Amino acid sequence: MGPIFSLADFLDMLRRRAAVILYVVVAGSILSVWVALNQQHMYHSAEVIQVTRPTIADDLAKSTVEGSSARRMQLIEQRLMARGTLLDIIEKFSLYADVPALTPTEKVVMLRNAVSITGVAAVREGFADDGTISVLTITAMMPTAEQAQQVASEFGSRTIELSVSSRIAQARETLSFFAEKEAALASQITALEDEISTFHTANDVALPGTAEFRRNEVATINESLLDIEREKILIRRSADQASANERPATARRMLAEAQEQLATLDAQRDLLTQRKKELEAALQTTPEVQRQLGVYTRQMQSLQGELEVVSTRRNEAEVGFRLETSRQGERLTVLEPAGLADYPSTSARKNKALMGGMASILAGLALAFVLELRAPVLRSAAQMERETGLAPVASIPVLDTRPPGRGLSRFLRSWLRPRPQKMARR
């Protein structure tokens, strides 16, 4: 059974519940004024940072700092919002010094909520999104305009410093990695060369260049042996001819000389033959030695190929490191420095007080309607006829026996007094 069905019923409810509505409106208005007077004005300041592309194209000199700028800015934001960094900023600018009851954790949370970092994506090239950011905006909301400007500027400068230091650190680590890898490979090659040399010495294996030299020496010895045999043949023939044609004394002398020459040639032949045997023995290797030599050769080729690749990468890393140290790669520049706010960004206190007053009026009306719903009483002949279908014969008004007052109290009492209902007719 609803109590409000017409404008007369609504006005009648206002007259009956005027005191409740008035109490709620007065209390809500006082509370709204108190909240508005105790409101802390907040000032807004923003610093805009532009992400500039590398000065030298990647085709000419590629940077070793990989990854999208959005990912790097996210990592920088995480480092900026770390507890230690925020405490340093709070201590540097004496933030929230007027509220000594706040704990360091509460101050850190307040500063995190007061600062926001947003990025604007660059225009896509084609259909792929490469995660490139063109503009970075750092916004600060603080109780004073000076603090808002200082905090936004501080976060902007720290963002640029972290970007530069992180890029240089990444390029330095890349260069150090490839330099250490190159030094390690060079050391491995030197150790392998020493191992190969020791193996050659232990197994009496000639080095590739020495083997060729020894083969040439063996060929030369073979030619010398042939020459010795030819000379011996000529000497023997000369001795035979002297024995047949010369006098005995002359023949004996020539035969003795021939014997001496043959003895000399035999000695030379023996020496060359011994040398030849030594060279041939040095050139001969077993299958196990040949297999181990093949293993050494493959290891050396693998290490040399890897060293060549690493040396190329180290040169590229060195170029990238020079690009970062000379600020020729991607860099951040302040496009719009943080300004000093002229007016607070929060709403005016008068508006908040008016909004609170309007809310109090609505709350009073809602409370009055709830009270009417809790007491669904038939208060007029029209309500009775509408609800039951029976028309009352007469309605007796409530008589106020209190003495009439003066001024405002008399007016309110007369307005709040229930009006007599007209007699219903059959």
Protein backbone atom coordinates (compact mmCIF):
# COMPACT_ATOMS: atom_id res chain seq x y z
CA MET A 1 0.00 0.00 0.00
CA GLY A 2 1.81 3.11 -1.17
CA PRO A 3 1.22 6.44 0.62
CA ILE A 4 2.05 8.80 -2.27
CA PHE A 5 -0.22 8.82 -5.30
CA SER A 6 -0.73 12.53 -6.07
CA LEU A 7 0.80 15.93 -5.60
CA ALA A 8 -1.52 16.55 -2.64
CA ASP A 9 -0.24 13.39 -0.96
CA PHE A 10 3.36 14.49 -1.58
CA LEU A 11 2.73 17.96 -0.13
CA ASP A 12 0.93 16.39 2.80
CA MET A 13 3.97 14.14 3.41
CA LEU A 14 6.23 17.19 3.33
CA ARG A 15 4.08 18.90 5.95
CA ARG A 16 4.05 15.87 8.22
CA ARG A 17 7.80 15.08 7.85
CA ALA A 18 9.06 18.64 7.64
CA ALA A 19 10.91 18.35 10.94
CA VAL A 20 12.81 15.22 9.86
CA ILE A 21 13.62 16.73 6.48
CA LEU A 22 14.76 19.96 8.12
CA TYR A 23 17.03 18.11 10.57
CA VAL A 24 18.62 16.08 7.78
CA VAL A 25 19.11 19.14 5.55
CA VAL A 26 20.65 21.22 8.32
CA ALA A 27 22.97 18.42 9.47
CA GLY A 28 24.00 17.53 5.91
CA SER A 29 24.63 21.19 5.01
CA ILE A 30 26.78 21.71 8.09
CA LEU A 31 28.75 18.54 7.28
CA SER A 32 29.15 19.64 3.63
CA VAL A 33 30.44 23.06 4.66
CA TRP A 34 32.87 21.46 7.13
CA VAL A 35 34.17 19.02 4.51
CA ALA A 36 34.52 21.82 1.94
CA LEU A 37 36.43 24.01 4.38
CA ASN A 38 38.80 21.16 5.27
CA GLN A 39 39.38 20.18 1.66
CA GLN A 40 43.04 20.11 0.58
CA HIS A 41 43.57 21.79 -2.76
CA MET A 42 45.69 19.80 -5.21
CA TYR A 43 47.86 21.33 -7.95
CA HIS A 44 48.71 19.67 -11.23
CA SER A 45 52.01 19.79 -13.12
CA ALA A 46 53.16 17.72 -16.10
CA GLU A 47 56.47 17.27 -17.91
CA VAL A 48 56.48 15.98 -21.48
CA ILE A 49 59.47 13.95 -22.70
CA GLN A 50 60.03 13.08 -26.35
CA VAL A 51 61.58 9.77 -27.37
CA THR A 52 63.99 10.66 -30.19
CA ARG A 53 65.03 8.04 -32.72
CA PRO A 54 68.74 7.23 -33.28
CA THR A 55 70.79 9.79 -35.18
CA ILE A 56 72.49 7.12 -37.29
CA ALA A 57 70.33 4.59 -39.11
CA ASP A 58 70.44 0.98 -37.93
CA ASP A 59 71.56 -0.13 -41.39
CA LEU A 60 74.77 1.88 -41.01
CA ALA A 61 75.50 1.38 -37.32
CA LYS A 62 73.19 -0.89 -35.35
CA SER A 63 72.71 -0.38 -31.65
CA THR A 64 73.15 -3.37 -29.35
CA VAL A 65 70.26 -2.23 -27.09
CA GLU A 66 67.39 -4.38 -28.27
CA GLY A 67 63.69 -4.35 -27.29
CA SER A 68 60.87 -1.88 -27.76
CA SER A 69 60.89 1.54 -26.14
CA ALA A 70 57.59 0.71 -24.42
CA ARG A 71 59.21 -2.22 -22.62
CA ARG A 72 62.21 -0.11 -21.60
CA MET A 73 59.94 2.68 -20.32
CA GLN A 74 58.00 0.11 -18.30
CA LEU A 75 61.21 -1.11 -16.66
CA ILE A 76 62.24 2.50 -15.94
CA GLU A 77 58.83 3.22 -14.41
CA GLN A 78 59.17 0.19 -12.14
CA ARG A 79 62.55 1.44 -10.94
CA LEU A 80 61.17 4.95 -10.40
CA MET A 81 58.26 3.65 -8.36
CA ALA A 82 60.51 1.55 -6.14
CA ARG A 83 60.33 2.28 -2.42
CA GLY A 84 63.92 3.49 -2.12
CA THR A 85 63.58 5.97 -5.01
CA LEU A 86 60.32 7.38 -3.67
CA LEU A 87 61.76 7.80 -0.18
CA ASP A 88 64.73 9.70 -1.65
CA ILE A 89 62.36 12.08 -3.47
CA ILE A 90 60.21 12.54 -0.36
CA GLU A 91 63.27 13.38 1.73
CA LYS A 92 64.75 15.65 -0.96
CA PHE A 93 61.67 17.93 -1.24
CA SER A 94 60.34 17.42 2.32
CA LEU A 95 57.03 16.08 1.03
CA TYR A 96 54.18 15.55 3.51
CA ALA A 97 56.21 17.27 6.20
CA ASP A 98 52.99 18.91 7.49
CA VAL A 99 51.61 15.46 8.38
CA PRO A 100 54.18 14.00 10.80
CA ALA A 101 51.87 11.16 11.80
CA LEU A 102 52.29 9.48 8.41
CA THR A 103 54.58 6.47 8.30
CA PRO A 104 57.17 6.08 5.49
CA THR A 105 55.02 3.37 3.91
CA GLU A 106 51.98 5.64 3.84
CA LYS A 107 54.05 8.43 2.30
CA VAL A 108 55.31 6.08 -0.39
CA VAL A 109 51.76 4.98 -1.21
CA MET A 110 50.56 8.59 -1.38
CA LEU A 111 53.39 9.59 -3.72
CA ARG A 112 52.73 6.58 -5.96
CA ASN A 113 49.10 7.59 -6.25
CA ALA A 114 50.05 11.23 -6.88
CA VAL A 115 52.42 10.51 -9.81
CA SER A 116 51.44 8.91 -13.10
CA ILE A 117 53.56 8.11 -16.17
CA THR A 118 51.77 7.64 -19.48
CA GLY A 119 53.17 7.06 -22.95
CA VAL A 120 51.80 7.83 -26.39
CA ALA A 121 52.51 5.16 -29.00
CA ALA A 122 54.19 6.24 -32.21
CA VAL A 123 52.48 5.91 -35.57
CA ARG A 124 52.67 2.39 -36.90
CA GLU A 125 54.73 1.56 -39.93
CA GLY A 126 52.58 -0.92 -41.80
CA PHE A 127 50.38 -3.30 -39.82
CA ALA A 128 52.84 -4.36 -37.14
CA ASP A 129 53.03 -2.66 -33.75
CA ASP A 130 56.70 -2.42 -32.79
CA GLY A 131 55.99 -0.96 -29.33
CA THR A 132 57.65 2.39 -30.05
CA ILE A 133 56.72 5.33 -27.83
CA SER A 134 56.94 8.88 -29.18
CA VAL A 135 55.96 10.97 -26.14
CA LEU A 136 56.13 10.28 -22.40
CA THR A 137 54.06 12.40 -20.00
CA ILE A 138 54.86 12.55 -16.28
CA THR A 139 52.05 14.05 -14.16
CA ALA A 140 52.23 15.04 -10.48
CA MET A 141 49.36 16.05 -8.16
CA MET A 142 50.63 17.72 -4.97
CA PRO A 143 49.25 20.04 -2.25
CA THR A 144 51.25 23.02 -3.52
CA ALA A 145 52.12 24.19 -7.01
CA GLU A 146 55.85 24.30 -6.18
CA GLN A 147 55.88 20.70 -4.99
CA ALA A 148 53.95 19.54 -8.07
CA GLN A 149 56.48 21.23 -10.34
CA GLN A 150 59.46 19.90 -8.39
CA VAL A 151 58.18 16.32 -8.28
CA ALA A 152 57.28 16.24 -11.99
CA SER A 153 60.65 17.73 -12.94
CA GLU A 154 62.50 15.31 -10.64
CA PHE A 155 60.75 12.29 -12.10
CA GLY A 156 61.48 13.58 -15.61
CA SER A 157 65.19 14.04 -14.94
CA ARG A 158 65.44 10.65 -13.24
CA THR A 159 63.68 9.03 -16.19
CA ILE A 160 66.22 10.50 -18.62
CA GLU A 161 69.14 9.50 -16.38
CA LEU A 162 67.84 5.95 -15.98
CA SER A 163 67.30 5.65 -19.73
CA VAL A 164 70.85 6.79 -20.50
CA SER A 165 72.47 4.70 -17.78
CA SER A 166 70.47 1.57 -18.63
CA ARG A 167 71.28 1.80 -22.34
CA ILE A 168 75.00 2.39 -21.67
CA ALA A 169 75.05 -0.44 -19.10
CA GLN A 170 73.38 -2.83 -21.54
CA ALA A 171 75.78 -1.87 -24.34
CA ARG A 172 78.77 -2.22 -21.97
CA GLU A 173 77.62 -5.64 -20.78
CA THR A 174 77.18 -6.79 -24.38
CA LEU A 175 80.66 -5.57 -25.30
CA SER A 176 82.18 -7.17 -22.18
CA PHE A 177 80.50 -10.48 -22.94
CA PHE A 178 81.83 -10.70 -26.50
CA ALA A 179 85.29 -9.43 -25.44
CA GLU A 180 85.50 -12.11 -22.75
CA LYS A 181 84.26 -14.72 -25.19
CA GLU A 182 86.87 -13.67 -27.74
CA ALA A 183 89.65 -13.81 -25.15
CA ALA A 184 88.47 -17.24 -24.00
CA LEU A 185 88.45 -18.58 -27.56
CA ALA A 186 91.92 -17.16 -28.23
CA SER A 187 93.14 -18.84 -25.05
CA GLN A 188 91.57 -22.14 -26.12
CA ILE A 189 93.23 -21.91 -29.54
CA THR A 190 96.61 -21.23 -27.93
CA ALA A 191 96.16 -24.18 -25.57
CA LEU A 192 95.15 -26.41 -28.48
CA GLU A 193 98.19 -25.33 -30.48
CA ASP A 194 100.44 -26.20 -27.53
CA GLU A 195 98.71 -29.56 -27.19
CA ILE A 196 99.16 -30.28 -30.91
CA SER A 197 102.84 -29.31 -30.72
CA THR A 198 103.35 -31.60 -27.70
CA PHE A 199 101.59 -34.41 -29.52
CA HIS A 200 103.80 -33.95 -32.59
CA THR A 201 106.90 -34.03 -30.44
CA ALA A 202 105.80 -37.09 -28.49
CA ASN A 203 104.86 -39.04 -31.61
CA ASP A 204 107.66 -37.66 -33.80
CA VAL A 205 105.13 -36.20 -36.19
CA ALA A 206 106.24 -33.46 -38.48
CA LEU A 207 104.23 -30.36 -38.88
CA PRO A 208 102.53 -29.84 -42.25
CA GLY A 209 105.20 -27.41 -43.50
CA THR A 210 108.06 -29.50 -42.11
CA ALA A 211 106.71 -32.65 -43.75
CA GLU A 212 106.78 -31.00 -47.15
CA PHE A 213 110.33 -29.81 -46.51
CA ARG A 214 111.37 -33.33 -45.49
CA ARG A 215 109.83 -34.83 -48.58
CA ASN A 216 111.82 -32.41 -50.72
CA GLU A 217 114.93 -33.31 -48.74
CA VAL A 218 114.34 -37.04 -49.35
CA ALA A 219 113.98 -36.35 -53.06
CA THR A 220 117.25 -34.40 -53.01
CA ILE A 221 119.00 -37.27 -51.16
CA ASN A 222 117.74 -39.74 -53.74
CA GLU A 223 119.22 -37.61 -56.52
CA SER A 224 122.52 -37.39 -54.63
CA LEU A 225 122.61 -41.16 -54.20
CA LEU A 226 122.09 -41.58 -57.93
CA ASP A 227 124.93 -39.16 -58.62
CA ILE A 228 127.20 -41.12 -56.24
CA GLU A 229 126.40 -44.38 -57.98
CA ARG A 230 127.16 -42.80 -61.36
CA GLU A 231 130.51 -41.50 -60.11
CA LYS A 232 131.39 -44.94 -58.68
CA ILE A 233 130.62 -46.53 -62.03
CA LEU A 234 132.84 -44.02 -63.80
CA ILE A 235 135.70 -44.54 -61.30
CA ARG A 236 135.55 -48.33 -61.67
CA ARG A 237 135.63 -48.09 -65.44
CA SER A 238 138.63 -45.73 -65.26
CA ALA A 239 140.45 -48.18 -62.94
CA ASP A 240 139.73 -51.10 -65.26
CA GLN A 241 141.04 -49.17 -68.26
CA ALA A 242 144.20 -48.14 -66.38
CA SER A 243 144.89 -51.77 -65.41
CA ALA A 244 144.59 -52.82 -68.99
CA ASN A 245 146.42 -49.99 -70.79
CA GLU A 246 148.89 -48.46 -68.30
CA ARG A 247 152.13 -49.76 -66.91
CA PRO A 248 151.89 -51.81 -63.71
CA ALA A 249 153.27 -49.04 -61.51
CA THR A 250 150.95 -46.43 -63.00
CA ALA A 251 148.04 -48.84 -62.91
CA ARG A 252 148.65 -49.55 -59.19
CA ARG A 253 148.77 -45.82 -58.42
CA MET A 254 145.56 -45.11 -60.34
CA LEU A 255 143.87 -48.11 -58.74
CA ALA A 256 144.80 -46.84 -55.27
CA GLU A 257 143.35 -43.40 -56.09
CA ALA A 258 140.20 -45.07 -57.39
CA GLN A 259 139.88 -47.02 -54.15
CA GLU A 260 140.16 -43.85 -52.11
CA GLN A 261 137.49 -42.11 -54.23
CA LEU A 262 135.18 -45.12 -53.92
CA ALA A 263 135.68 -45.21 -50.20
CA THR A 264 134.79 -41.50 -50.01
CA LEU A 265 131.68 -42.00 -52.12
CA ASP A 266 130.66 -44.98 -50.00
CA ALA A 267 130.96 -42.89 -46.89
CA GLN A 268 128.81 -40.17 -48.49
CA ARG A 269 126.29 -42.79 -49.59
CA ASP A 270 126.08 -44.25 -46.10
CA LEU A 271 125.55 -40.81 -44.61
CA LEU A 272 122.83 -39.91 -47.10
CA THR A 273 121.17 -43.29 -46.68
CA GLN A 274 121.06 -42.86 -42.90
CA ARG A 275 119.61 -39.40 -43.30
CA LYS A 276 117.02 -40.71 -45.71
CA LYS A 277 115.96 -43.42 -43.30
CA GLU A 278 115.55 -40.86 -40.53
CA LEU A 279 113.45 -38.60 -42.75
CA GLU A 280 111.27 -41.46 -43.94
CA ALA A 281 110.76 -42.64 -40.36
CA ALA A 282 109.74 -39.12 -39.34
CA LEU A 283 107.23 -38.96 -42.19
CA GLN A 284 105.64 -42.26 -41.32
CA THR A 285 102.67 -42.11 -38.83
CA THR A 286 100.34 -44.74 -37.41
CA PRO A 287 96.51 -44.74 -38.03
CA GLU A 288 95.85 -43.73 -34.39
CA VAL A 289 98.13 -40.75 -34.78
CA GLN A 290 96.39 -39.83 -38.02
CA ARG A 291 92.98 -40.03 -36.30
CA GLN A 292 94.11 -37.83 -33.43
CA LEU A 293 95.57 -35.35 -35.89
CA GLY A 294 92.19 -35.23 -37.64
CA VAL A 295 90.47 -34.55 -34.32
CA TYR A 296 92.87 -31.72 -33.60
CA THR A 297 92.29 -30.29 -37.06
CA ARG A 298 88.49 -30.28 -36.62
CA GLN A 299 88.76 -28.71 -33.19
CA MET A 300 91.03 -26.01 -34.52
CA GLN A 301 88.69 -25.24 -37.43
CA SER A 302 85.69 -25.07 -35.10
CA LEU A 303 87.44 -22.73 -32.68
CA GLN A 304 88.71 -20.51 -35.46
CA GLY A 305 85.23 -20.29 -37.02
CA GLU A 306 83.68 -19.45 -33.68
CA LEU A 307 86.40 -16.90 -33.02
CA GLU A 308 85.69 -15.22 -36.34
CA VAL A 309 81.97 -14.94 -35.53
CA VAL A 310 82.61 -13.65 -32.02
CA SER A 311 85.14 -11.11 -33.31
CA THR A 312 82.52 -9.77 -35.72
CA ARG A 313 79.96 -9.52 -32.93
CA ARG A 314 82.48 -7.82 -30.66
CA ASN A 315 83.16 -5.21 -33.33
CA GLU A 316 79.42 -4.58 -33.65
CA ALA A 317 79.07 -4.36 -29.86
CA GLU A 318 81.94 -1.88 -29.73
CA VAL A 319 80.22 0.29 -32.35
CA GLY A 320 76.96 0.10 -30.37
CA PHE A 321 78.73 1.07 -27.16
CA ARG A 322 80.30 4.07 -28.85
CA LEU A 323 76.88 5.10 -30.16
CA GLU A 324 75.41 5.02 -26.67
CA THR A 325 78.31 6.83 -24.98
CA SER A 326 78.22 9.57 -27.62
CA ARG A 327 74.40 9.86 -27.30
CA GLN A 328 73.85 8.97 -30.94
CA GLY A 329 71.29 6.22 -30.23
CA GLU A 330 67.72 6.50 -29.02
CA ARG A 331 67.49 9.25 -26.39
CA LEU A 332 64.97 11.15 -24.28
CA THR A 333 64.66 14.93 -24.49
CA VAL A 334 62.42 17.28 -22.52
CA LEU A 335 59.81 18.56 -24.94
CA GLU A 336 57.81 20.55 -22.37
CA PRO A 337 59.24 21.18 -18.89
CA ALA A 338 57.02 21.01 -15.83
CA GLY A 339 55.25 24.32 -15.27
CA LEU A 340 53.98 26.09 -12.15
CA ALA A 341 50.21 25.71 -11.87
CA ASP A 342 48.22 28.97 -11.56
CA TYR A 343 45.08 27.43 -10.12
CA PRO A 344 44.31 24.22 -8.20
CA SER A 345 43.01 21.36 -10.27
CA THR A 346 40.49 20.25 -7.64
CA SER A 347 36.92 21.62 -7.65
CA ALA A 348 36.00 24.80 -5.72
CA ARG A 349 34.87 24.58 -2.13
CA LYS A 350 31.64 26.47 -2.89
CA ASN A 351 30.65 23.88 -5.45
CA LYS A 352 31.29 21.05 -3.00
CA ALA A 353 29.21 22.79 -0.33
CA LEU A 354 26.32 23.31 -2.78
CA MET A 355 26.51 19.70 -3.93
CA GLY A 356 26.46 18.56 -0.30
CA GLY A 357 23.41 20.72 0.40
CA MET A 358 21.55 19.27 -2.59
CA ALA A 359 22.51 15.77 -1.48
CA SER A 360 21.20 16.57 2.03
CA ILE A 361 17.83 17.66 0.60
CA LEU A 362 17.56 14.46 -1.41
CA ALA A 363 18.56 12.41 1.64
CA GLY A 364 15.88 14.14 3.74
CA LEU A 365 13.19 13.46 1.13
CA ALA A 366 14.30 9.84 0.85
CA LEU A 367 14.18 9.42 4.65
CA ALA A 368 10.70 10.95 4.79
CA PHE A 369 9.47 8.61 2.07
CA VAL A 370 10.92 5.61 3.90
CA LEU A 371 9.15 6.66 7.09
CA GLU A 372 5.89 6.92 5.14
CA LEU A 373 6.39 3.45 3.76
CA ARG A 374 6.93 2.06 7.26
CA ALA A 375 3.63 3.59 8.45
CA PRO A 376 1.09 3.12 5.59
CA VAL A 377 -1.86 4.92 7.31
CA LEU A 378 -4.98 6.22 5.55
CA ARG A 379 -4.85 9.91 6.31
CA SER A 380 -7.60 11.38 4.10
CA ALA A 381 -11.02 10.53 2.71
CA ALA A 382 -9.57 10.39 -0.79
CA GLN A 383 -6.98 7.79 0.27
CA MET A 384 -9.68 5.68 1.94
CA GLU A 385 -11.95 5.83 -1.07
CA ARG A 386 -9.02 4.98 -3.39
CA GLU A 387 -7.76 2.07 -1.32
CA THR A 388 -11.04 0.49 -0.11
CA GLY A 389 -13.60 1.77 -2.60
CA LEU A 390 -15.77 3.11 0.28
CA ALA A 391 -16.47 6.81 0.68
CA PRO A 392 -16.44 8.02 4.32
CA VAL A 393 -19.42 9.95 5.64
CA ALA A 394 -17.26 12.52 7.41
CA SER A 395 -13.69 13.18 8.45
CA ILE A 396 -12.73 14.88 11.71
CA PRO A 397 -9.53 16.95 11.67
CA VAL A 398 -6.91 16.84 14.43
CA LEU A 399 -7.45 19.68 16.90
CA ASP A 400 -4.32 21.46 18.14
CA THR A 401 -4.94 22.52 21.74
CA ARG A 402 -1.58 24.29 22.14
CA PRO A 403 -1.71 28.10 22.44
CA PRO A 404 -0.85 29.91 19.24
CA GLY A 405 2.66 31.26 18.99
CA ARG A 406 4.08 34.30 17.30
CA GLY A 407 6.24 35.00 14.31
CA LEU A 408 8.00 32.10 12.61
CA SER A 409 6.77 29.45 15.09
CA ARG A 410 3.15 30.46 14.43
CA PHE A 411 3.69 30.20 10.66
CA LEU A 412 5.38 26.82 10.87
CA ARG A 413 2.70 25.46 13.25
CA SER A 414 -0.07 26.61 10.96
CA TRP A 415 1.72 25.07 7.92
CA LEU A 416 2.40 21.83 9.68
CA ARG A 417 -1.13 21.49 11.09
CA PRO A 418 -3.09 18.88 9.13
CA ARG A 419 -5.84 20.44 7.05
CA PRO A 420 -9.43 19.32 7.65
CA GLN A 421 -10.83 17.00 5.03
CA LYS A 422 -14.08 17.82 3.26
CA MET A 423 -17.11 15.76 4.25
CA ALA A 424 -17.80 13.06 1.79
CA ARG A 425 -21.24 12.65 0.39
CA ARG A 426 -23.07 9.54 -0.49
